[in-house]
N, C-alpha and C. Protein backbone atom coordinates (compact mmCIF):
# COMPACT_ATOMS: atom_id res chain seq x y z
N MET A 1 2.31 6.82 -2.98
CA MET A 1 2.47 5.85 -1.90
C MET A 1 1.12 5.63 -1.23
N ILE A 2 0.87 4.43 -0.86
CA ILE A 2 -0.38 4.06 -0.22
C ILE A 2 -0.19 4.16 1.29
N ASP A 3 -1.05 4.92 1.93
CA ASP A 3 -0.96 5.11 3.37
C ASP A 3 -1.56 3.91 4.09
N PRO A 4 -0.75 3.19 4.89
CA PRO A 4 -1.27 1.99 5.56
C PRO A 4 -2.36 2.31 6.59
N ILE A 5 -2.28 3.47 7.23
CA ILE A 5 -3.29 3.82 8.23
C ILE A 5 -4.65 4.06 7.56
N THR A 6 -4.65 4.77 6.45
CA THR A 6 -5.89 5.01 5.70
C THR A 6 -6.47 3.69 5.20
N ALA A 7 -5.60 2.83 4.66
CA ALA A 7 -6.06 1.54 4.16
C ALA A 7 -6.61 0.68 5.30
N LEU A 8 -5.95 0.72 6.45
CA LEU A 8 -6.42 -0.06 7.60
C LEU A 8 -7.77 0.46 8.09
N THR A 9 -7.94 1.78 8.09
CA THR A 9 -9.22 2.36 8.50
C THR A 9 -10.33 1.90 7.57
N ALA A 10 -10.06 1.92 6.27
CA ALA A 10 -11.06 1.46 5.29
C ALA A 10 -11.36 -0.02 5.48
N ALA A 11 -10.32 -0.82 5.70
CA ALA A 11 -10.51 -2.26 5.90
C ALA A 11 -11.32 -2.53 7.16
N THR A 12 -11.00 -1.82 8.23
CA THR A 12 -11.70 -2.02 9.50
C THR A 12 -13.17 -1.63 9.39
N THR A 13 -13.43 -0.51 8.72
CA THR A 13 -14.81 -0.06 8.54
C THR A 13 -15.61 -1.10 7.76
N ALA A 14 -15.06 -1.56 6.64
CA ALA A 14 -15.75 -2.56 5.82
C ALA A 14 -15.92 -3.87 6.59
N PHE A 15 -14.89 -4.26 7.33
CA PHE A 15 -14.95 -5.50 8.11
C PHE A 15 -16.05 -5.43 9.16
N ASN A 16 -16.16 -4.30 9.84
CA ASN A 16 -17.20 -4.14 10.87
C ASN A 16 -18.60 -4.22 10.26
N VAL A 17 -18.77 -3.68 9.06
CA VAL A 17 -20.07 -3.77 8.37
C VAL A 17 -20.35 -5.23 8.02
N ILE A 18 -19.35 -5.94 7.54
CA ILE A 18 -19.51 -7.36 7.18
C ILE A 18 -19.87 -8.17 8.42
N LYS A 19 -19.14 -7.94 9.48
CA LYS A 19 -19.37 -8.67 10.73
C LYS A 19 -20.79 -8.42 11.24
N LYS A 20 -21.21 -7.17 11.20
CA LYS A 20 -22.56 -6.81 11.64
C LYS A 20 -23.60 -7.49 10.74
N GLY A 21 -23.28 -7.56 9.45
CA GLY A 21 -24.18 -8.21 8.51
C GLY A 21 -24.38 -9.68 8.85
N PHE A 22 -23.29 -10.37 9.21
CA PHE A 22 -23.41 -11.77 9.62
C PHE A 22 -24.23 -11.89 10.90
N GLU A 23 -24.05 -10.94 11.82
CA GLU A 23 -24.78 -10.98 13.10
C GLU A 23 -26.28 -10.84 12.89
N VAL A 24 -26.70 -10.04 11.91
CA VAL A 24 -28.13 -9.85 11.68
C VAL A 24 -28.68 -10.81 10.63
N GLY A 25 -27.85 -11.74 10.16
CA GLY A 25 -28.32 -12.79 9.28
C GLY A 25 -28.32 -12.47 7.79
N ARG A 26 -27.61 -11.42 7.37
CA ARG A 26 -27.52 -11.14 5.94
C ARG A 26 -26.74 -12.25 5.26
N ASP A 27 -27.09 -12.52 4.00
CA ASP A 27 -26.33 -13.54 3.27
C ASP A 27 -25.11 -12.89 2.62
N ILE A 28 -24.16 -13.73 2.29
CA ILE A 28 -22.87 -13.25 1.80
C ILE A 28 -23.02 -12.50 0.48
N GLU A 29 -23.98 -12.90 -0.33
CA GLU A 29 -24.19 -12.25 -1.62
C GLU A 29 -24.60 -10.79 -1.44
N SER A 30 -25.41 -10.52 -0.45
CA SER A 30 -25.87 -9.14 -0.23
C SER A 30 -24.77 -8.25 0.36
N MET A 31 -23.70 -8.87 0.81
CA MET A 31 -22.58 -8.10 1.37
C MET A 31 -21.39 -8.04 0.42
N SER A 32 -21.62 -8.38 -0.85
CA SER A 32 -20.50 -8.44 -1.80
C SER A 32 -19.80 -7.10 -1.95
N GLY A 33 -20.54 -5.99 -1.93
CA GLY A 33 -19.91 -4.67 -2.03
C GLY A 33 -18.99 -4.40 -0.85
N ASP A 34 -19.48 -4.74 0.35
CA ASP A 34 -18.67 -4.54 1.56
C ASP A 34 -17.43 -5.44 1.53
N ILE A 35 -17.62 -6.67 1.09
CA ILE A 35 -16.49 -7.60 1.01
C ILE A 35 -15.49 -7.10 -0.03
N GLY A 36 -15.98 -6.57 -1.13
CA GLY A 36 -15.09 -6.01 -2.15
C GLY A 36 -14.30 -4.83 -1.62
N ARG A 37 -14.95 -3.94 -0.85
CA ARG A 37 -14.23 -2.81 -0.24
C ARG A 37 -13.18 -3.30 0.74
N TRP A 38 -13.53 -4.32 1.51
CA TRP A 38 -12.56 -4.88 2.46
C TRP A 38 -11.36 -5.46 1.72
N MET A 39 -11.63 -6.23 0.65
CA MET A 39 -10.55 -6.83 -0.12
C MET A 39 -9.64 -5.76 -0.73
N SER A 40 -10.24 -4.72 -1.26
CA SER A 40 -9.44 -3.64 -1.85
C SER A 40 -8.55 -2.98 -0.80
N ALA A 41 -9.11 -2.73 0.37
CA ALA A 41 -8.32 -2.10 1.44
C ALA A 41 -7.20 -3.03 1.90
N VAL A 42 -7.47 -4.32 2.01
CA VAL A 42 -6.43 -5.27 2.41
C VAL A 42 -5.34 -5.33 1.33
N SER A 43 -5.74 -5.26 0.09
CA SER A 43 -4.77 -5.23 -1.00
C SER A 43 -3.89 -3.98 -0.89
N ASP A 44 -4.49 -2.84 -0.55
CA ASP A 44 -3.72 -1.61 -0.33
C ASP A 44 -2.75 -1.76 0.83
N ILE A 45 -3.18 -2.45 1.88
CA ILE A 45 -2.30 -2.68 3.03
C ILE A 45 -1.09 -3.51 2.61
N LYS A 46 -1.33 -4.55 1.84
CA LYS A 46 -0.22 -5.38 1.37
C LYS A 46 0.73 -4.59 0.49
N LYS A 47 0.18 -3.74 -0.37
CA LYS A 47 1.02 -2.94 -1.25
C LYS A 47 1.81 -1.91 -0.44
N SER A 48 1.20 -1.35 0.60
CA SER A 48 1.94 -0.39 1.44
C SER A 48 3.10 -1.08 2.15
N ASP A 49 2.91 -2.34 2.50
CA ASP A 49 4.00 -3.11 3.11
C ASP A 49 5.14 -3.29 2.10
N GLU A 50 4.81 -3.55 0.85
CA GLU A 50 5.84 -3.67 -0.19
C GLU A 50 6.59 -2.35 -0.37
N TYR A 51 5.85 -1.24 -0.39
CA TYR A 51 6.49 0.07 -0.54
C TYR A 51 7.37 0.39 0.67
N ALA A 52 6.93 -0.01 1.84
CA ALA A 52 7.72 0.26 3.05
C ALA A 52 9.03 -0.52 3.01
N LYS A 53 9.00 -1.71 2.44
CA LYS A 53 10.22 -2.51 2.33
C LYS A 53 11.16 -1.96 1.26
N ASN A 54 10.62 -1.26 0.28
CA ASN A 54 11.42 -0.69 -0.79
C ASN A 54 10.96 0.75 -1.05
N PRO A 55 11.30 1.68 -0.13
CA PRO A 55 10.82 3.05 -0.27
C PRO A 55 11.48 3.76 -1.45
N PRO A 56 10.83 4.82 -1.94
CA PRO A 56 11.41 5.58 -3.04
C PRO A 56 12.77 6.15 -2.66
N LEU A 57 13.63 6.32 -3.64
CA LEU A 57 14.99 6.82 -3.43
C LEU A 57 14.99 8.16 -2.71
N PHE A 58 14.16 9.08 -3.13
CA PHE A 58 14.13 10.42 -2.54
C PHE A 58 13.77 10.34 -1.05
N LYS A 59 12.82 9.48 -0.71
CA LYS A 59 12.43 9.32 0.69
C LYS A 59 13.57 8.74 1.51
N LYS A 60 14.32 7.81 0.93
CA LYS A 60 15.47 7.22 1.63
C LYS A 60 16.50 8.29 1.95
N LEU A 61 16.73 9.20 1.00
CA LEU A 61 17.76 10.20 1.16
C LEU A 61 17.36 11.32 2.12
N VAL A 62 16.12 11.76 2.02
CA VAL A 62 15.69 12.96 2.72
C VAL A 62 15.07 12.67 4.08
N ASN A 63 14.31 11.61 4.19
CA ASN A 63 13.48 11.44 5.38
C ASN A 63 13.57 10.01 5.90
N SER A 64 14.73 9.60 6.37
CA SER A 64 14.94 8.20 6.76
C SER A 64 14.11 7.81 7.98
N LYS A 65 13.86 8.73 8.91
CA LYS A 65 13.07 8.37 10.09
C LYS A 65 11.65 8.01 9.68
N SER A 66 11.11 8.73 8.73
CA SER A 66 9.77 8.45 8.25
C SER A 66 9.68 7.06 7.62
N VAL A 67 10.75 6.62 6.99
CA VAL A 67 10.76 5.29 6.36
C VAL A 67 10.54 4.21 7.41
N GLU A 68 11.25 4.30 8.54
CA GLU A 68 11.08 3.31 9.60
C GLU A 68 9.67 3.38 10.20
N GLU A 69 9.17 4.59 10.36
CA GLU A 69 7.82 4.76 10.91
C GLU A 69 6.78 4.16 9.97
N GLU A 70 6.92 4.43 8.69
CA GLU A 70 5.99 3.86 7.71
C GLU A 70 6.09 2.34 7.66
N ALA A 71 7.29 1.82 7.80
CA ALA A 71 7.46 0.37 7.80
C ALA A 71 6.74 -0.24 8.99
N LEU A 72 6.85 0.40 10.15
CA LEU A 72 6.15 -0.10 11.33
C LEU A 72 4.64 -0.01 11.16
N GLN A 73 4.16 1.10 10.62
CA GLN A 73 2.72 1.25 10.38
C GLN A 73 2.23 0.18 9.40
N ALA A 74 2.99 -0.04 8.35
CA ALA A 74 2.60 -1.04 7.35
C ALA A 74 2.58 -2.44 7.98
N PHE A 75 3.57 -2.73 8.81
CA PHE A 75 3.64 -4.03 9.47
C PHE A 75 2.43 -4.22 10.39
N MET A 76 2.12 -3.21 11.19
CA MET A 76 0.99 -3.31 12.13
C MET A 76 -0.33 -3.45 11.36
N ALA A 77 -0.47 -2.69 10.29
CA ALA A 77 -1.69 -2.78 9.47
C ALA A 77 -1.82 -4.17 8.86
N LYS A 78 -0.69 -4.71 8.41
CA LYS A 78 -0.70 -6.05 7.82
C LYS A 78 -1.12 -7.10 8.85
N GLN A 79 -0.62 -6.97 10.07
CA GLN A 79 -0.98 -7.90 11.14
C GLN A 79 -2.48 -7.82 11.45
N LYS A 80 -3.01 -6.60 11.52
CA LYS A 80 -4.43 -6.40 11.81
C LYS A 80 -5.28 -6.96 10.67
N ALA A 81 -4.84 -6.75 9.44
CA ALA A 81 -5.57 -7.28 8.28
C ALA A 81 -5.60 -8.80 8.31
N GLU A 82 -4.51 -9.40 8.72
CA GLU A 82 -4.45 -10.87 8.82
C GLU A 82 -5.42 -11.37 9.89
N GLN A 83 -5.50 -10.65 10.98
CA GLN A 83 -6.44 -11.00 12.05
C GLN A 83 -7.88 -10.92 11.54
N MET A 84 -8.20 -9.85 10.81
CA MET A 84 -9.55 -9.70 10.24
C MET A 84 -9.82 -10.82 9.25
N ARG A 85 -8.82 -11.16 8.45
CA ARG A 85 -8.97 -12.22 7.45
C ARG A 85 -9.30 -13.56 8.12
N ASN A 86 -8.60 -13.88 9.19
CA ASN A 86 -8.87 -15.12 9.90
C ASN A 86 -10.28 -15.14 10.48
N GLU A 87 -10.69 -14.01 11.05
CA GLU A 87 -12.04 -13.95 11.61
C GLU A 87 -13.10 -14.05 10.52
N LEU A 88 -12.85 -13.40 9.39
CA LEU A 88 -13.80 -13.48 8.28
C LEU A 88 -13.87 -14.90 7.73
N ARG A 89 -12.72 -15.58 7.64
CA ARG A 89 -12.72 -16.98 7.19
C ARG A 89 -13.58 -17.84 8.10
N GLU A 90 -13.44 -17.64 9.41
CA GLU A 90 -14.26 -18.41 10.36
C GLU A 90 -15.74 -18.11 10.19
N LEU A 91 -16.10 -16.83 10.03
CA LEU A 91 -17.50 -16.46 9.87
C LEU A 91 -18.10 -17.08 8.60
N ILE A 92 -17.38 -16.97 7.51
CA ILE A 92 -17.90 -17.49 6.24
C ILE A 92 -17.93 -19.01 6.25
N SER A 93 -16.88 -19.63 6.75
CA SER A 93 -16.86 -21.11 6.80
C SER A 93 -17.96 -21.63 7.72
N TRP A 94 -18.22 -20.92 8.79
CA TRP A 94 -19.24 -21.35 9.74
C TRP A 94 -20.65 -21.19 9.16
N THR A 95 -20.88 -20.10 8.43
CA THR A 95 -22.23 -19.86 7.91
C THR A 95 -22.49 -20.50 6.56
N LYS A 96 -21.47 -20.55 5.70
CA LYS A 96 -21.66 -21.04 4.34
C LYS A 96 -20.86 -22.29 4.00
N GLY A 97 -19.94 -22.67 4.88
CA GLY A 97 -19.11 -23.83 4.62
C GLY A 97 -17.76 -23.44 4.05
N PRO A 98 -16.78 -24.35 4.16
CA PRO A 98 -15.42 -24.06 3.71
C PRO A 98 -15.32 -23.76 2.21
N SER A 99 -16.21 -24.34 1.41
CA SER A 99 -16.13 -24.09 -0.04
C SER A 99 -16.45 -22.62 -0.36
N ALA A 100 -17.30 -22.00 0.45
CA ALA A 100 -17.61 -20.58 0.23
C ALA A 100 -16.37 -19.72 0.46
N TRP A 101 -15.59 -20.09 1.46
CA TRP A 101 -14.35 -19.34 1.71
C TRP A 101 -13.39 -19.50 0.52
N GLN A 102 -13.30 -20.70 -0.03
CA GLN A 102 -12.42 -20.92 -1.18
C GLN A 102 -12.87 -20.09 -2.39
N GLU A 103 -14.19 -19.99 -2.58
CA GLU A 103 -14.71 -19.15 -3.66
C GLU A 103 -14.33 -17.69 -3.44
N LEU A 104 -14.45 -17.26 -2.21
CA LEU A 104 -14.11 -15.88 -1.88
C LEU A 104 -12.62 -15.62 -2.11
N VAL A 105 -11.79 -16.56 -1.74
CA VAL A 105 -10.34 -16.41 -1.95
C VAL A 105 -10.04 -16.30 -3.45
N GLN A 106 -10.72 -17.12 -4.25
CA GLN A 106 -10.51 -17.05 -5.70
C GLN A 106 -10.98 -15.70 -6.24
N MET A 107 -12.09 -15.22 -5.73
CA MET A 107 -12.59 -13.91 -6.12
C MET A 107 -11.56 -12.83 -5.76
N GLU A 108 -10.98 -12.96 -4.60
CA GLU A 108 -9.97 -11.99 -4.14
C GLU A 108 -8.76 -12.00 -5.07
N VAL A 109 -8.32 -13.18 -5.49
CA VAL A 109 -7.19 -13.29 -6.40
C VAL A 109 -7.51 -12.57 -7.71
N ASP A 110 -8.71 -12.78 -8.22
CA ASP A 110 -9.11 -12.14 -9.47
C ASP A 110 -9.14 -10.62 -9.33
N ILE A 111 -9.72 -10.15 -8.23
CA ILE A 111 -9.80 -8.70 -7.98
C ILE A 111 -8.40 -8.11 -7.85
N ARG A 112 -7.54 -8.80 -7.13
CA ARG A 112 -6.17 -8.30 -6.92
C ARG A 112 -5.42 -8.18 -8.25
N LYS A 113 -5.59 -9.18 -9.12
CA LYS A 113 -4.91 -9.14 -10.41
C LYS A 113 -5.39 -7.94 -11.23
N LYS A 114 -6.69 -7.73 -11.27
CA LYS A 114 -7.23 -6.60 -12.02
C LYS A 114 -6.77 -5.28 -11.41
N ARG A 115 -6.78 -5.21 -10.10
CA ARG A 115 -6.39 -3.98 -9.41
C ARG A 115 -4.91 -3.68 -9.63
N GLN A 116 -4.08 -4.70 -9.56
CA GLN A 116 -2.65 -4.49 -9.78
C GLN A 116 -2.39 -3.98 -11.19
N ALA A 117 -3.09 -4.56 -12.13
CA ALA A 117 -2.89 -4.15 -13.51
C ALA A 117 -3.27 -2.68 -13.71
N ALA A 118 -4.33 -2.25 -13.06
CA ALA A 118 -4.82 -0.90 -13.28
C ALA A 118 -4.20 0.12 -12.32
N VAL A 119 -4.44 -0.05 -11.04
CA VAL A 119 -4.08 0.97 -10.06
C VAL A 119 -2.60 0.95 -9.73
N TYR A 120 -2.09 -0.19 -9.35
CA TYR A 120 -0.72 -0.25 -8.85
C TYR A 120 0.30 0.01 -9.95
N ALA A 121 0.01 -0.41 -11.16
CA ALA A 121 0.94 -0.12 -12.26
C ALA A 121 1.06 1.38 -12.46
N GLN A 122 -0.07 2.09 -12.38
CA GLN A 122 -0.05 3.54 -12.53
C GLN A 122 0.71 4.21 -11.38
N LYS A 123 0.48 3.75 -10.16
CA LYS A 123 1.20 4.31 -9.01
C LYS A 123 2.70 4.04 -9.12
N GLU A 124 3.06 2.88 -9.62
CA GLU A 124 4.47 2.55 -9.76
C GLU A 124 5.12 3.45 -10.81
N LYS A 125 4.41 3.72 -11.90
CA LYS A 125 4.94 4.63 -12.92
C LYS A 125 5.14 6.03 -12.34
N GLN A 126 4.17 6.50 -11.56
CA GLN A 126 4.30 7.81 -10.93
C GLN A 126 5.49 7.85 -9.99
N ARG A 127 5.64 6.81 -9.22
CA ARG A 127 6.76 6.73 -8.27
C ARG A 127 8.09 6.78 -9.02
N GLN A 128 8.21 6.00 -10.09
CA GLN A 128 9.44 5.98 -10.87
C GLN A 128 9.69 7.34 -11.52
N PHE A 129 8.65 7.98 -12.01
CA PHE A 129 8.78 9.29 -12.62
C PHE A 129 9.37 10.29 -11.62
N TRP A 130 8.82 10.34 -10.41
CA TRP A 130 9.29 11.29 -9.41
C TRP A 130 10.70 10.93 -8.92
N GLU A 131 11.03 9.65 -8.88
CA GLU A 131 12.40 9.27 -8.52
C GLU A 131 13.38 9.76 -9.58
N ILE A 132 13.03 9.65 -10.84
CA ILE A 132 13.90 10.12 -11.92
C ILE A 132 14.04 11.64 -11.85
N ILE A 133 12.95 12.34 -11.63
CA ILE A 133 13.00 13.80 -11.51
C ILE A 133 13.90 14.19 -10.34
N ALA A 134 13.74 13.53 -9.20
CA ALA A 134 14.58 13.83 -8.03
C ALA A 134 16.05 13.57 -8.33
N ALA A 135 16.34 12.47 -9.01
CA ALA A 135 17.73 12.15 -9.35
C ALA A 135 18.32 13.20 -10.30
N ILE A 136 17.53 13.64 -11.27
CA ILE A 136 17.99 14.66 -12.21
C ILE A 136 18.26 15.97 -11.47
N VAL A 137 17.33 16.38 -10.61
CA VAL A 137 17.51 17.63 -9.86
C VAL A 137 18.75 17.54 -8.98
N LEU A 138 18.91 16.43 -8.27
CA LEU A 138 20.09 16.28 -7.41
C LEU A 138 21.38 16.29 -8.23
N THR A 139 21.35 15.66 -9.39
CA THR A 139 22.53 15.65 -10.26
C THR A 139 22.85 17.05 -10.76
N LEU A 140 21.83 17.80 -11.18
CA LEU A 140 22.04 19.16 -11.65
C LEU A 140 22.56 20.07 -10.54
N VAL A 141 22.01 19.93 -9.35
CA VAL A 141 22.48 20.72 -8.22
C VAL A 141 23.94 20.38 -7.92
N GLY A 142 24.25 19.10 -7.89
CA GLY A 142 25.63 18.67 -7.64
C GLY A 142 26.58 19.17 -8.71
N ALA A 143 26.18 19.07 -9.98
CA ALA A 143 27.02 19.55 -11.08
C ALA A 143 27.20 21.07 -10.99
N GLY A 144 26.12 21.77 -10.65
CA GLY A 144 26.20 23.23 -10.49
C GLY A 144 27.15 23.62 -9.38
N MET A 145 27.09 22.90 -8.27
CA MET A 145 27.99 23.19 -7.16
C MET A 145 29.44 22.90 -7.56
N LEU A 146 29.65 21.81 -8.28
CA LEU A 146 31.00 21.46 -8.72
C LEU A 146 31.54 22.51 -9.70
N LEU A 147 30.73 22.93 -10.66
CA LEU A 147 31.15 23.96 -11.61
C LEU A 147 31.41 25.28 -10.89
N GLY A 148 30.57 25.62 -9.94
CA GLY A 148 30.77 26.84 -9.15
C GLY A 148 32.07 26.78 -8.37
N PHE A 149 32.37 25.64 -7.82
CA PHE A 149 33.61 25.47 -7.06
C PHE A 149 34.82 25.60 -7.99
N ILE A 150 34.73 24.96 -9.16
CA ILE A 150 35.82 25.05 -10.14
C ILE A 150 36.00 26.50 -10.59
N TRP A 151 34.89 27.19 -10.88
CA TRP A 151 34.97 28.59 -11.28
C TRP A 151 35.59 29.43 -10.18
N PHE A 152 35.21 29.16 -8.94
CA PHE A 152 35.77 29.89 -7.79
C PHE A 152 37.29 29.68 -7.72
N LEU A 153 37.72 28.43 -7.87
CA LEU A 153 39.15 28.14 -7.82
C LEU A 153 39.91 28.81 -8.97
N LEU A 154 39.34 28.79 -10.16
CA LEU A 154 40.00 29.40 -11.31
C LEU A 154 40.02 30.92 -11.22
N SER A 155 38.94 31.49 -10.68
CA SER A 155 38.85 32.95 -10.60
C SER A 155 39.72 33.54 -9.51
N PHE A 156 39.73 32.92 -8.36
CA PHE A 156 40.44 33.48 -7.22
C PHE A 156 41.77 32.76 -6.91
N GLY A 157 41.99 31.68 -7.61
CA GLY A 157 43.22 30.93 -7.37
C GLY A 157 44.41 31.51 -8.09
N SER A 158 44.19 32.34 -9.12
CA SER A 158 45.31 32.86 -9.88
C SER A 158 45.74 34.24 -9.45
């Protein structure tokens, strides 16, 4: 699971570096690494929001209060990321023109596609694996309890 607070911290740090870079007159090309880190963190925030909307089965069963808390954190992080995005759009459009923002958005789409294919697919497989393990363990425990109950009834019922 992607922690929205950690992702927001990374996004905020990268955003502040980008903003400072614009203030001191750095060009957008020299800040590509910072912009890439910001985009990655924002992508993590969006993914954490998706996970919060559809939490793993085990988390739903065991820790329901945490699910609501994580959903709220993901929502707040998403709102803050949107605010940073709007401010970054204004900075880039103001310094480089609206076409530069469109280029950046296209770059973000490309990065997100690559990242989803690599990182998020792996995380989703891990999540599914642990959900299956949890379901198997719960099923075995339930079956064991049922068999124990039946044995108890047969042993002491006669």
